[in-house]
Amino acid sequence: MAEADEFLQRSLPAYTNSRQRLYLAGKQNMRDPSGQMNGRFAPIKAELETLPPSDLTDLRDSFPDLPPLPGDAPARSPVKVAIAVGTGIVAVVAAWLALRRRKAHETA
């Protein structure tokens, strides 16, 4: 992990102050029971946590295929929301019509 961190810093300057690096530094500390990587990643995490969130770059601007980080708000497309609402309305109307038809059939 340390070699990957160094490679990304050299090849992608925006990685140095990125939200992705902060996340990885925090995850490495939690997954290293021996504590060997804490000497490398704990200071990185502490340094990045002192920065305001507006100063942390998001690499998804340059690489849109990166997955969302935990804690990010889900991206809600207005089109998807409209389709979901429309589908819900159609389902309610269909259920109402089915009940109405059943009652009419029972009374006849």
PDB file of N, CA and C in Angstrom:
ATOM      1  N   MET A   1       0.824  -1.187   0.000  1.00  0.00           N
ATOM      2  CA  MET A   1       0.000   0.000   0.000  1.00  0.00           C
ATOM      3  C   MET A   1       0.868   1.251   0.000  1.00  0.00           C
ATOM      4  N   ALA A   2       1.967   1.205   0.694  1.00  0.00           N
ATOM      5  CA  ALA A   2       2.856   2.363   0.736  1.00  0.00           C
ATOM      6  C   ALA A   2       3.436   2.654  -0.646  1.00  0.00           C
ATOM      7  N   GLU A   3       3.782   1.603  -1.384  1.00  0.00           N
ATOM      8  CA  GLU A   3       4.320   1.801  -2.729  1.00  0.00           C
ATOM      9  C   GLU A   3       3.264   2.389  -3.658  1.00  0.00           C
ATOM     10  N   ALA A   4       2.034   1.948  -3.533  1.00  0.00           N
ATOM     11  CA  ALA A   4       0.949   2.497  -4.348  1.00  0.00           C
ATOM     12  C   ALA A   4       0.723   3.962  -4.009  1.00  0.00           C
ATOM     13  N   ASP A   5       0.786   4.301  -2.734  1.00  0.00           N
ATOM     14  CA  ASP A   5       0.622   5.696  -2.311  1.00  0.00           C
ATOM     15  C   ASP A   5       1.725   6.573  -2.902  1.00  0.00           C
ATOM     16  N   GLU A   6       2.966   6.109  -2.847  1.00  0.00           N
ATOM     17  CA  GLU A   6       4.080   6.877  -3.415  1.00  0.00           C
ATOM     18  C   GLU A   6       3.934   7.029  -4.931  1.00  0.00           C
ATOM     19  N   PHE A   7       3.535   5.957  -5.613  1.00  0.00           N
ATOM     20  CA  PHE A   7       3.355   6.013  -7.057  1.00  0.00           C
ATOM     21  C   PHE A   7       2.275   7.031  -7.436  1.00  0.00           C
ATOM     22  N   LEU A   8       1.159   6.997  -6.726  1.00  0.00           N
ATOM     23  CA  LEU A   8       0.076   7.929  -7.036  1.00  0.00           C
ATOM     24  C   LEU A   8       0.480   9.373  -6.768  1.00  0.00           C
ATOM     25  N   GLN A   9       1.256   9.598  -5.728  1.00  0.00           N
ATOM     26  CA  GLN A   9       1.735  10.954  -5.450  1.00  0.00           C
ATOM     27  C   GLN A   9       2.637  11.462  -6.571  1.00  0.00           C
ATOM     28  N   ARG A  10       3.512  10.591  -7.083  1.00  0.00           N
ATOM     29  CA  ARG A  10       4.419  10.999  -8.153  1.00  0.00           C
ATOM     30  C   ARG A  10       3.680  11.241  -9.465  1.00  0.00           C
ATOM     31  N   SER A  11       2.772  10.340  -9.800  1.00  0.00           N
ATOM     32  CA  SER A  11       2.148  10.401 -11.118  1.00  0.00           C
ATOM     33  C   SER A  11       0.896  11.273 -11.164  1.00  0.00           C
ATOM     34  N   LEU A  12       0.285  11.548 -10.026  1.00  0.00           N
ATOM     35  CA  LEU A  12      -0.943  12.333  -9.992  1.00  0.00           C
ATOM     36  C   LEU A  12      -0.867  13.334  -8.836  1.00  0.00           C
ATOM     37  N   PRO A  13      -0.397  14.553  -9.108  1.00  0.00           N
ATOM     38  CA  PRO A  13      -0.215  15.526  -8.024  1.00  0.00           C
ATOM     39  C   PRO A  13      -1.494  15.813  -7.230  1.00  0.00           C
ATOM     40  N   ALA A  14      -2.650  15.737  -7.856  1.00  0.00           N
ATOM     41  CA  ALA A  14      -3.901  16.024  -7.147  1.00  0.00           C
ATOM     42  C   ALA A  14      -4.198  14.979  -6.070  1.00  0.00           C
ATOM     43  N   TYR A  15      -3.585  13.820  -6.160  1.00  0.00           N
ATOM     44  CA  TYR A  15      -3.814  12.754  -5.189  1.00  0.00           C
ATOM     45  C   TYR A  15      -3.321  13.140  -3.791  1.00  0.00           C
ATOM     46  N   THR A  16      -2.305  13.988  -3.730  1.00  0.00           N
ATOM     47  CA  THR A  16      -1.689  14.338  -2.448  1.00  0.00           C
ATOM     48  C   THR A  16      -2.708  14.882  -1.455  1.00  0.00           C
ATOM     49  N   ASN A  17      -3.613  15.743  -1.891  1.00  0.00           N
ATOM     50  CA  ASN A  17      -4.633  16.322  -1.005  1.00  0.00           C
ATOM     51  C   ASN A  17      -6.026  15.886  -1.449  1.00  0.00           C
ATOM     52  N   SER A  18      -6.194  14.600  -1.701  1.00  0.00           N
ATOM     53  CA  SER A  18      -7.486  14.134  -2.198  1.00  0.00           C
ATOM     54  C   SER A  18      -8.302  13.463  -1.098  1.00  0.00           C
ATOM     55  N   ARG A  19      -9.595  13.469  -1.314  1.00  0.00           N
ATOM     56  CA  ARG A  19     -10.490  12.784  -0.395  1.00  0.00           C
ATOM     57  C   ARG A  19     -10.232  11.276  -0.426  1.00  0.00           C
ATOM     58  N   GLN A  20      -9.835  10.766  -1.588  1.00  0.00           N
ATOM     59  CA  GLN A  20      -9.566   9.344  -1.712  1.00  0.00           C
ATOM     60  C   GLN A  20      -8.353   8.931  -0.872  1.00  0.00           C
ATOM     61  N   ARG A  21      -7.331   9.781  -0.835  1.00  0.00           N
ATOM     62  CA  ARG A  21      -6.145   9.460  -0.031  1.00  0.00           C
ATOM     63  C   ARG A  21      -6.487   9.489   1.461  1.00  0.00           C
ATOM     64  N   LEU A  22      -7.294  10.443   1.861  1.00  0.00           N
ATOM     65  CA  LEU A  22      -7.721  10.501   3.259  1.00  0.00           C
ATOM     66  C   LEU A  22      -8.485   9.235   3.629  1.00  0.00           C
ATOM     67  N   TYR A  23      -9.368   8.792   2.760  1.00  0.00           N
ATOM     68  CA  TYR A  23     -10.138   7.570   3.029  1.00  0.00           C
ATOM     69  C   TYR A  23      -9.219   6.356   3.131  1.00  0.00           C
ATOM     70  N   LEU A  24      -8.300   6.216   2.185  1.00  0.00           N
ATOM     71  CA  LEU A  24      -7.397   5.063   2.203  1.00  0.00           C
ATOM     72  C   LEU A  24      -6.476   5.074   3.415  1.00  0.00           C
ATOM     73  N   ALA A  25      -6.006   6.238   3.803  1.00  0.00           N
ATOM     74  CA  ALA A  25      -5.140   6.316   4.987  1.00  0.00           C
ATOM     75  C   ALA A  25      -5.904   5.882   6.231  1.00  0.00           C
ATOM     76  N   GLY A  26      -7.159   6.256   6.332  1.00  0.00           N
ATOM     77  CA  GLY A  26      -7.975   5.843   7.469  1.00  0.00           C
ATOM     78  C   GLY A  26      -8.281   4.361   7.457  1.00  0.00           C
ATOM     79  N   LYS A  27      -8.566   3.805   6.269  1.00  0.00           N
ATOM     80  CA  LYS A  27      -8.856   2.386   6.174  1.00  0.00           C
ATOM     81  C   LYS A  27      -7.622   1.549   6.467  1.00  0.00           C
ATOM     82  N   GLN A  28      -6.454   2.012   6.049  1.00  0.00           N
ATOM     83  CA  GLN A  28      -5.226   1.249   6.298  1.00  0.00           C
ATOM     84  C   GLN A  28      -4.966   1.159   7.794  1.00  0.00           C
ATOM     85  N   ASN A  29      -5.228   2.234   8.526  1.00  0.00           N
ATOM     86  CA  ASN A  29      -5.016   2.209   9.967  1.00  0.00           C
ATOM     87  C   ASN A  29      -5.941   1.200  10.642  1.00  0.00           C
ATOM     88  N   MET A  30      -7.153   1.066  10.128  1.00  0.00           N
ATOM     89  CA  MET A  30      -8.103   0.143  10.749  1.00  0.00           C
ATOM     90  C   MET A  30      -7.794  -1.305  10.392  1.00  0.00           C
ATOM     91  N   ARG A  31      -7.190  -1.557   9.242  1.00  0.00           N
ATOM     92  CA  ARG A  31      -6.971  -2.931   8.789  1.00  0.00           C
ATOM     93  C   ARG A  31      -5.583  -3.464   9.122  1.00  0.00           C
ATOM     94  N   ASP A  32      -4.788  -2.702   9.804  1.00  0.00           N
ATOM     95  CA  ASP A  32      -3.423  -3.139  10.091  1.00  0.00           C
ATOM     96  C   ASP A  32      -3.294  -3.465  11.569  1.00  0.00           C
ATOM     97  N   PRO A  33      -3.569  -4.719  11.958  1.00  0.00           N
ATOM     98  CA  PRO A  33      -3.512  -5.057  13.376  1.00  0.00           C
ATOM     99  C   PRO A  33      -2.099  -4.991  13.955  1.00  0.00           C
ATOM    100  N   SER A  34      -1.084  -5.136  13.112  1.00  0.00           N
ATOM    101  CA  SER A  34       0.286  -5.105  13.630  1.00  0.00           C
ATOM    102  C   SER A  34       0.739  -3.678  13.930  1.00  0.00           C
ATOM    103  N   GLY A  35       0.098  -2.704  13.307  1.00  0.00           N
ATOM    104  CA  GLY A  35       0.474  -1.307  13.536  1.00  0.00           C
ATOM    105  C   GLY A  35       1.670  -0.855  12.728  1.00  0.00           C
ATOM    106  N   GLN A  36       2.189  -1.694  11.820  1.00  0.00           N
ATOM    107  CA  GLN A  36       3.363  -1.315  11.039  1.00  0.00           C
ATOM    108  C   GLN A  36       3.089  -0.151  10.101  1.00  0.00           C
ATOM    109  N   MET A  37       1.901  -0.107   9.517  1.00  0.00           N
ATOM    110  CA  MET A  37       1.584   0.951   8.562  1.00  0.00           C
ATOM    111  C   MET A  37       1.141   2.241   9.238  1.00  0.00           C
ATOM    112  N   ASN A  38       0.832   2.183  10.534  1.00  0.00           N
ATOM    113  CA  ASN A  38       0.413   3.395  11.234  1.00  0.00           C
ATOM    114  C   ASN A  38       1.493   4.466  11.198  1.00  0.00           C
ATOM    115  N   GLY A  39       2.741   4.046  11.237  1.00  0.00           N
ATOM    116  CA  GLY A  39       3.836   5.013  11.182  1.00  0.00           C
ATOM    117  C   GLY A  39       3.849   5.794   9.884  1.00  0.00           C
ATOM    118  N   ARG A  40       3.334   5.205   8.830  1.00  0.00           N
ATOM    119  CA  ARG A  40       3.288   5.896   7.538  1.00  0.00           C
ATOM    120  C   ARG A  40       1.966   6.619   7.326  1.00  0.00           C
ATOM    121  N   PHE A  41       0.847   5.968   7.601  1.00  0.00           N
ATOM    122  CA  PHE A  41      -0.441   6.526   7.220  1.00  0.00           C
ATOM    123  C   PHE A  41      -1.113   7.359   8.304  1.00  0.00           C
ATOM    124  N   ALA A  42      -0.792   7.160   9.557  1.00  0.00           N
ATOM    125  CA  ALA A  42      -1.395   7.978  10.614  1.00  0.00           C
ATOM    126  C   ALA A  42      -1.048   9.462  10.447  1.00  0.00           C
ATOM    127  N   PRO A  43       0.212   9.822  10.172  1.00  0.00           N
ATOM    128  CA  PRO A  43       0.502  11.251   9.961  1.00  0.00           C
ATOM    129  C   PRO A  43      -0.186  11.809   8.712  1.00  0.00           C
ATOM    130  N   ILE A  44      -0.299  10.994   7.668  1.00  0.00           N
ATOM    131  CA  ILE A  44      -0.980  11.450   6.448  1.00  0.00           C
ATOM    132  C   ILE A  44      -2.440  11.748   6.764  1.00  0.00           C
ATOM    133  N   LYS A  45      -3.084  10.828   7.478  1.00  0.00           N
ATOM    134  CA  LYS A  45      -4.487  11.024   7.831  1.00  0.00           C
ATOM    135  C   LYS A  45      -4.650  12.252   8.722  1.00  0.00           C
ATOM    136  N   ALA A  46      -3.779  12.415   9.699  1.00  0.00           N
ATOM    137  CA  ALA A  46      -3.868  13.572  10.596  1.00  0.00           C
ATOM    138  C   ALA A  46      -3.697  14.880   9.824  1.00  0.00           C
ATOM    139  N   GLU A  47      -2.751  14.894   8.892  1.00  0.00           N
ATOM    140  CA  GLU A  47      -2.513  16.105   8.102  1.00  0.00           C
ATOM    141  C   GLU A  47      -3.713  16.433   7.213  1.00  0.00           C
ATOM    142  N   LEU A  48      -4.277  15.418   6.568  1.00  0.00           N
ATOM    143  CA  LEU A  48      -5.407  15.661   5.673  1.00  0.00           C
ATOM    144  C   LEU A  48      -6.681  16.028   6.438  1.00  0.00           C
ATOM    145  N   GLU A  49      -6.822  15.518   7.645  1.00  0.00           N
ATOM    146  CA  GLU A  49      -7.998  15.859   8.452  1.00  0.00           C
ATOM    147  C   GLU A  49      -7.973  17.307   8.918  1.00  0.00           C
ATOM    148  N   THR A  50      -6.790  17.927   8.982  1.00  0.00           N
ATOM    149  CA  THR A  50      -6.720  19.327   9.403  1.00  0.00           C
ATOM    150  C   THR A  50      -7.165  20.275   8.288  1.00  0.00           C
ATOM    151  N   LEU A  51      -7.138  19.795   7.054  1.00  0.00           N
ATOM    152  CA  LEU A  51      -7.558  20.638   5.935  1.00  0.00           C
ATOM    153  C   LEU A  51      -9.080  20.768   5.909  1.00  0.00           C
ATOM    154  N   PRO A  52      -9.584  21.948   5.539  1.00  0.00           N
ATOM    155  CA  PRO A  52     -11.032  22.063   5.386  1.00  0.00           C
ATOM    156  C   PRO A  52     -11.501  21.202   4.207  1.00  0.00           C
ATOM    157  N   PRO A  53     -12.712  20.690   4.263  1.00  0.00           N
ATOM    158  CA  PRO A  53     -13.202  19.827   3.173  1.00  0.00           C
ATOM    159  C   PRO A  53     -13.135  20.491   1.801  1.00  0.00           C
ATOM    160  N   SER A  54     -13.230  21.802   1.745  1.00  0.00           N
ATOM    161  CA  SER A  54     -13.173  22.482   0.445  1.00  0.00           C
ATOM    162  C   SER A  54     -11.779  22.419  -0.174  1.00  0.00           C
ATOM    163  N   ASP A  55     -10.752  22.197   0.637  1.00  0.00           N
ATOM    164  CA  ASP A  55      -9.385  22.106   0.117  1.00  0.00           C
ATOM    165  C   ASP A  55      -9.015  20.697  -0.352  1.00  0.00           C
ATOM    166  N   LEU A  56      -9.834  19.722  -0.011  1.00  0.00           N
ATOM    167  CA  LEU A  56      -9.579  18.355  -0.461  1.00  0.00           C
ATOM    168  C   LEU A  56     -10.132  18.193  -1.878  1.00  0.00           C
ATOM    169  N   THR A  57      -9.293  17.713  -2.773  1.00  0.00           N
ATOM    170  CA  THR A  57      -9.748  17.504  -4.136  1.00  0.00           C
ATOM    171  C   THR A  57     -10.451  16.159  -4.238  1.00  0.00           C
ATOM    172  N   ASP A  58     -11.371  16.077  -5.171  1.00  0.00           N
ATOM    173  CA  ASP A  58     -12.076  14.830  -5.421  1.00  0.00           C
ATOM    174  C   ASP A  58     -11.605  14.309  -6.767  1.00  0.00           C
ATOM    175  N   LEU A  59     -10.959  13.176  -6.771  1.00  0.00           N
ATOM    176  CA  LEU A  59     -10.400  12.630  -8.002  1.00  0.00           C
ATOM    177  C   LEU A  59     -11.474  12.159  -8.978  1.00  0.00           C
ATOM    178  N   ARG A  60     -12.725  12.075  -8.522  1.00  0.00           N
ATOM    179  CA  ARG A  60     -13.788  11.665  -9.423  1.00  0.00           C
ATOM    180  C   ARG A  60     -14.074  12.734 -10.479  1.00  0.00           C
ATOM    181  N   ASP A  61     -13.618  13.961 -10.248  1.00  0.00           N
ATOM    182  CA  ASP A  61     -13.755  14.991 -11.278  1.00  0.00           C
ATOM    183  C   ASP A  61     -12.910  14.630 -12.499  1.00  0.00           C
ATOM    184  N   SER A  62     -11.738  14.078 -12.251  1.00  0.00           N
ATOM    185  CA  SER A  62     -10.844  13.663 -13.340  1.00  0.00           C
ATOM    186  C   SER A  62     -11.094  12.228 -13.779  1.00  0.00           C
ATOM    187  N   PHE A  63     -11.540  11.401 -12.848  1.00  0.00           N
ATOM    188  CA  PHE A  63     -11.764   9.980 -13.118  1.00  0.00           C
ATOM    189  C   PHE A  63     -13.197   9.623 -12.713  1.00  0.00           C
ATOM    190  N   PRO A  64     -14.170   9.847 -13.586  1.00  0.00           N
ATOM    191  CA  PRO A  64     -15.574   9.641 -13.200  1.00  0.00           C
ATOM    192  C   PRO A  64     -15.939   8.193 -12.891  1.00  0.00           C
ATOM    193  N   ASP A  65     -15.107   7.238 -13.257  1.00  0.00           N
ATOM    194  CA  ASP A  65     -15.420   5.834 -12.988  1.00  0.00           C
ATOM    195  C   ASP A  65     -15.084   5.405 -11.562  1.00  0.00           C
ATOM    196  N   LEU A  66     -14.450   6.270 -10.788  1.00  0.00           N
ATOM    197  CA  LEU A  66     -14.147   5.916  -9.401  1.00  0.00           C
ATOM    198  C   LEU A  66     -15.452   5.767  -8.622  1.00  0.00           C
ATOM    199  N   PRO A  67     -15.525   4.789  -7.739  1.00  0.00           N
ATOM    200  CA  PRO A  67     -16.768   4.611  -6.975  1.00  0.00           C
ATOM    201  C   PRO A  67     -16.936   5.718  -5.937  1.00  0.00           C
ATOM    202  N   PRO A  68     -18.155   5.934  -5.487  1.00  0.00           N
ATOM    203  CA  PRO A  68     -18.362   6.945  -4.444  1.00  0.00           C
ATOM    204  C   PRO A  68     -17.721   6.499  -3.133  1.00  0.00           C
ATOM    205  N   LEU A  69     -17.329   7.469  -2.351  1.00  0.00           N
ATOM    206  CA  LEU A  69     -16.762   7.172  -1.035  1.00  0.00           C
ATOM    207  C   LEU A  69     -17.890   6.977  -0.030  1.00  0.00           C
ATOM    208  N   PRO A  70     -17.672   6.174   0.995  1.00  0.00           N
ATOM    209  CA  PRO A  70     -18.700   6.037   2.032  1.00  0.00           C
ATOM    210  C   PRO A  70     -18.971   7.402   2.661  1.00  0.00           C
ATOM    211  N   GLY A  71     -20.201   7.661   2.929  1.00  0.00           N
ATOM    212  CA  GLY A  71     -20.575   8.943   3.501  1.00  0.00           C
ATOM    213  C   GLY A  71     -20.990   9.970   2.459  1.00  0.00           C
ATOM    214  N   ASP A  72     -20.741   9.694   1.190  1.00  0.00           N
ATOM    215  CA  ASP A  72     -21.201  10.591   0.145  1.00  0.00           C
ATOM    216  C   ASP A  72     -22.710  10.447  -0.008  1.00  0.00           C
ATOM    217  N   ALA A  73     -23.367  11.545  -0.307  1.00  0.00           N
ATOM    218  CA  ALA A  73     -24.799  11.496  -0.573  1.00  0.00           C
ATOM    219  C   ALA A  73     -25.019  10.770  -1.893  1.00  0.00           C
ATOM    220  N   PRO A  74     -26.004   9.923  -1.942  1.00  0.00           N
ATOM    221  CA  PRO A  74     -26.249   9.223  -3.205  1.00  0.00           C
ATOM    222  C   PRO A  74     -26.650  10.212  -4.291  1.00  0.00           C
ATOM    223  N   ALA A  75     -26.153   9.977  -5.476  1.00  0.00           N
ATOM    224  CA  ALA A  75     -26.480  10.847  -6.598  1.00  0.00           C
ATOM    225  C   ALA A  75     -27.891  10.518  -7.058  1.00  0.00           C
ATOM    226  N   ARG A  76     -28.744  11.515  -6.992  1.00  0.00           N
ATOM    227  CA  ARG A  76     -30.130  11.307  -7.391  1.00  0.00           C
ATOM    228  C   ARG A  76     -30.389  12.079  -8.672  1.00  0.00           C
ATOM    229  N   SER A  77     -30.655  11.349  -9.689  1.00  0.00           N
ATOM    230  CA  SER A  77     -30.965  11.950 -10.967  1.00  0.00           C
ATOM    231  C   SER A  77     -32.436  12.367 -10.969  1.00  0.00           C
ATOM    232  N   PRO A  78     -32.753  13.586 -11.384  1.00  0.00           N
ATOM    233  CA  PRO A  78     -34.158  14.000 -11.426  1.00  0.00           C
ATOM    234  C   PRO A  78     -35.006  13.102 -12.322  1.00  0.00           C
ATOM    235  N   VAL A  79     -34.402  12.569 -13.376  1.00  0.00           N
ATOM    236  CA  VAL A  79     -35.141  11.687 -14.270  1.00  0.00           C
ATOM    237  C   VAL A  79     -35.499  10.389 -13.546  1.00  0.00           C
ATOM    238  N   LYS A  80     -34.559   9.835 -12.805  1.00  0.00           N
ATOM    239  CA  LYS A  80     -34.825   8.593 -12.074  1.00  0.00           C
ATOM    240  C   LYS A  80     -35.894   8.806 -11.002  1.00  0.00           C
ATOM    241  N   VAL A  81     -35.845   9.951 -10.330  1.00  0.00           N
ATOM    242  CA  VAL A  81     -36.847  10.252  -9.311  1.00  0.00           C
ATOM    243  C   VAL A  81     -38.220  10.375  -9.965  1.00  0.00           C
ATOM    244  N   ALA A  82     -38.301  11.052 -11.108  1.00  0.00           N
ATOM    245  CA  ALA A  82     -39.574  11.208 -11.811  1.00  0.00           C
ATOM    246  C   ALA A  82     -40.120   9.856 -12.266  1.00  0.00           C
ATOM    247  N   ILE A  83     -39.263   8.988 -12.758  1.00  0.00           N
ATOM    248  CA  ILE A  83     -39.697   7.653 -13.180  1.00  0.00           C
ATOM    249  C   ILE A  83     -40.218   6.861 -11.982  1.00  0.00           C
ATOM    250  N   ALA A  84     -39.532   6.944 -10.856  1.00  0.00           N
ATOM    251  CA  ALA A  84     -39.961   6.222  -9.658  1.00  0.00           C
ATOM    252  C   ALA A  84     -41.312   6.734  -9.165  1.00  0.00           C
ATOM    253  N   VAL A  85     -41.508   8.050  -9.167  1.00  0.00           N
ATOM    254  CA  VAL A  85     -42.787   8.624  -8.738  1.00  0.00           C
ATOM    255  C   VAL A  85     -43.896   8.202  -9.696  1.00  0.00           C
ATOM    256  N   GLY A  86     -43.618   8.275 -10.986  1.00  0.00           N
ATOM    257  CA  GLY A  86     -44.614   7.872 -11.982  1.00  0.00           C
ATOM    258  C   GLY A  86     -44.997   6.414 -11.845  1.00  0.00           C
ATOM    259  N   THR A  87     -44.022   5.561 -11.629  1.00  0.00           N
ATOM    260  CA  THR A  87     -44.287   4.131 -11.436  1.00  0.00           C
ATOM    261  C   THR A  87     -45.138   3.903 -10.197  1.00  0.00           C
ATOM    262  N   GLY A  88     -44.855   4.632  -9.146  1.00  0.00           N
ATOM    263  CA  GLY A  88     -45.652   4.510  -7.917  1.00  0.00           C
ATOM    264  C   GLY A  88     -47.091   4.923  -8.129  1.00  0.00           C
ATOM    265  N   ILE A  89     -47.295   6.002  -8.862  1.00  0.00           N
ATOM    266  CA  ILE A  89     -48.662   6.465  -9.133  1.00  0.00           C
ATOM    267  C   ILE A  89     -49.408   5.434  -9.978  1.00  0.00           C
ATOM    268  N   VAL A  90     -48.759   4.905 -10.992  1.00  0.00           N
ATOM    269  CA  VAL A  90     -49.389   3.881 -11.843  1.00  0.00           C
ATOM    270  C   VAL A  90     -49.754   2.657 -11.008  1.00  0.00           C
ATOM    271  N   ALA A  91     -48.899   2.247 -10.097  1.00  0.00           N
ATOM    272  CA  ALA A  91     -49.184   1.084  -9.258  1.00  0.00           C
ATOM    273  C   ALA A  91     -50.390   1.338  -8.355  1.00  0.00           C
ATOM    274  N   VAL A  92     -50.493   2.523  -7.787  1.00  0.00           N
ATOM    275  CA  VAL A  92     -51.624   2.851  -6.917  1.00  0.00           C
ATOM    276  C   VAL A  92     -52.921   2.863  -7.720  1.00  0.00           C
ATOM    277  N   VAL A  93     -52.890   3.478  -8.895  1.00  0.00           N
ATOM    278  CA  VAL A  93     -54.090   3.520  -9.743  1.00  0.00           C
ATOM    279  C   VAL A  93     -54.488   2.107 -10.168  1.00  0.00           C
ATOM    280  N   ALA A  94     -53.530   1.273 -10.545  1.00  0.00           N
ATOM    281  CA  ALA A  94     -53.833  -0.105 -10.943  1.00  0.00           C
ATOM    282  C   ALA A  94     -54.454  -0.880  -9.785  1.00  0.00           C
ATOM    283  N   ALA A  95     -53.944  -0.707  -8.586  1.00  0.00           N
ATOM    284  CA  ALA A  95     -54.507  -1.392  -7.422  1.00  0.00           C
ATOM    285  C   ALA A  95     -55.923  -0.905  -7.146  1.00  0.00           C
ATOM    286  N   TRP A  96     -56.153   0.394  -7.263  1.00  0.00           N
ATOM    287  CA  TRP A  96     -57.487   0.954  -7.040  1.00  0.00           C
ATOM    288  C   TRP A  96     -58.476   0.407  -8.065  1.00  0.00           C
ATOM    289  N   LEU A  97     -58.069   0.356  -9.337  1.00  0.00           N
ATOM    290  CA  LEU A  97     -58.943  -0.177 -10.379  1.00  0.00           C
ATOM    291  C   LEU A  97     -59.239  -1.659 -10.152  1.00  0.00           C
ATOM    292  N   ALA A  98     -58.246  -2.423  -9.718  1.00  0.00           N
ATOM    293  CA  ALA A  98     -58.460  -3.844  -9.449  1.00  0.00           C
ATOM    294  C   ALA A  98     -59.457  -4.038  -8.312  1.00  0.00           C
ATOM    295  N   LEU A  99     -59.342  -3.254  -7.248  1.00  0.00           N
ATOM    296  CA  LEU A  99     -60.289  -3.356  -6.133  1.00  0.00           C
ATOM    297  C   LEU A  99     -61.687  -2.945  -6.569  1.00  0.00           C
ATOM    298  N   ARG A 100     -61.786  -1.924  -7.354  1.00  0.00           N
ATOM    299  CA  ARG A 100     -63.076  -1.437  -7.848  1.00  0.00           C
ATOM    300  C   ARG A 100     -63.740  -2.506  -8.721  1.00  0.00           C
ATOM    301  N   ARG A 101     -62.939  -3.119  -9.574  1.00  0.00           N
ATOM    302  CA  ARG A 101     -63.463  -4.163 -10.457  1.00  0.00           C
ATOM    303  C   ARG A 101     -63.918  -5.379  -9.639  1.00  0.00           C
ATOM    304  N   ARG A 102     -63.141  -5.721  -8.614  1.00  0.00           N
ATOM    305  CA  ARG A 102     -63.503  -6.863  -7.764  1.00  0.00           C
ATOM    306  C   ARG A 102     -64.823  -6.601  -7.042  1.00  0.00           C
ATOM    307  N   LYS A 103     -64.982  -5.393  -6.500  1.00  0.00           N
ATOM    308  CA  LYS A 103     -66.229  -5.064  -5.809  1.00  0.00           C
ATOM    309  C   LYS A 103     -67.416  -5.098  -6.752  1.00  0.00           C
ATOM    310  N   ALA A 104     -67.225  -4.576  -7.977  1.00  0.00           N
ATOM    311  CA  ALA A 104     -68.296  -4.586  -8.967  1.00  0.00           C
ATOM    312  C   ALA A 104     -68.657  -6.004  -9.359  1.00  0.00           C
ATOM    313  N   HIS A 105     -67.662  -6.867  -9.436  1.00  0.00           N
ATOM    314  CA  HIS A 105     -67.897  -8.253  -9.811  1.00  0.00           C
ATOM    315  C   HIS A 105     -68.624  -9.007  -8.697  1.00  0.00           C
ATOM    316  N   GLU A 106     -68.290  -8.687  -7.432  1.00  0.00           N
ATOM    317  CA  GLU A 106     -68.918  -9.359  -6.298  1.00  0.00           C
ATOM    318  C   GLU A 106     -70.379  -8.968  -6.144  1.00  0.00           C
ATOM    319  N   THR A 107     -70.720  -7.724  -6.455  1.00  0.00           N
ATOM    320  CA  THR A 107     -72.093  -7.265  -6.289  1.00  0.00           C
ATOM    321  C   THR A 107     -72.999  -7.747  -7.425  1.00  0.00           C
ATOM    322  N   ALA A 108     -72.390  -8.116  -8.549  1.00  0.00           N
ATOM    323  CA  ALA A 108     -73.214  -8.544  -9.691  1.00  0.00           C
ATOM    324  C   ALA A 108     -73.654  -9.964  -9.613  1.00  0.00           C
TER     325      ALA A 108
END
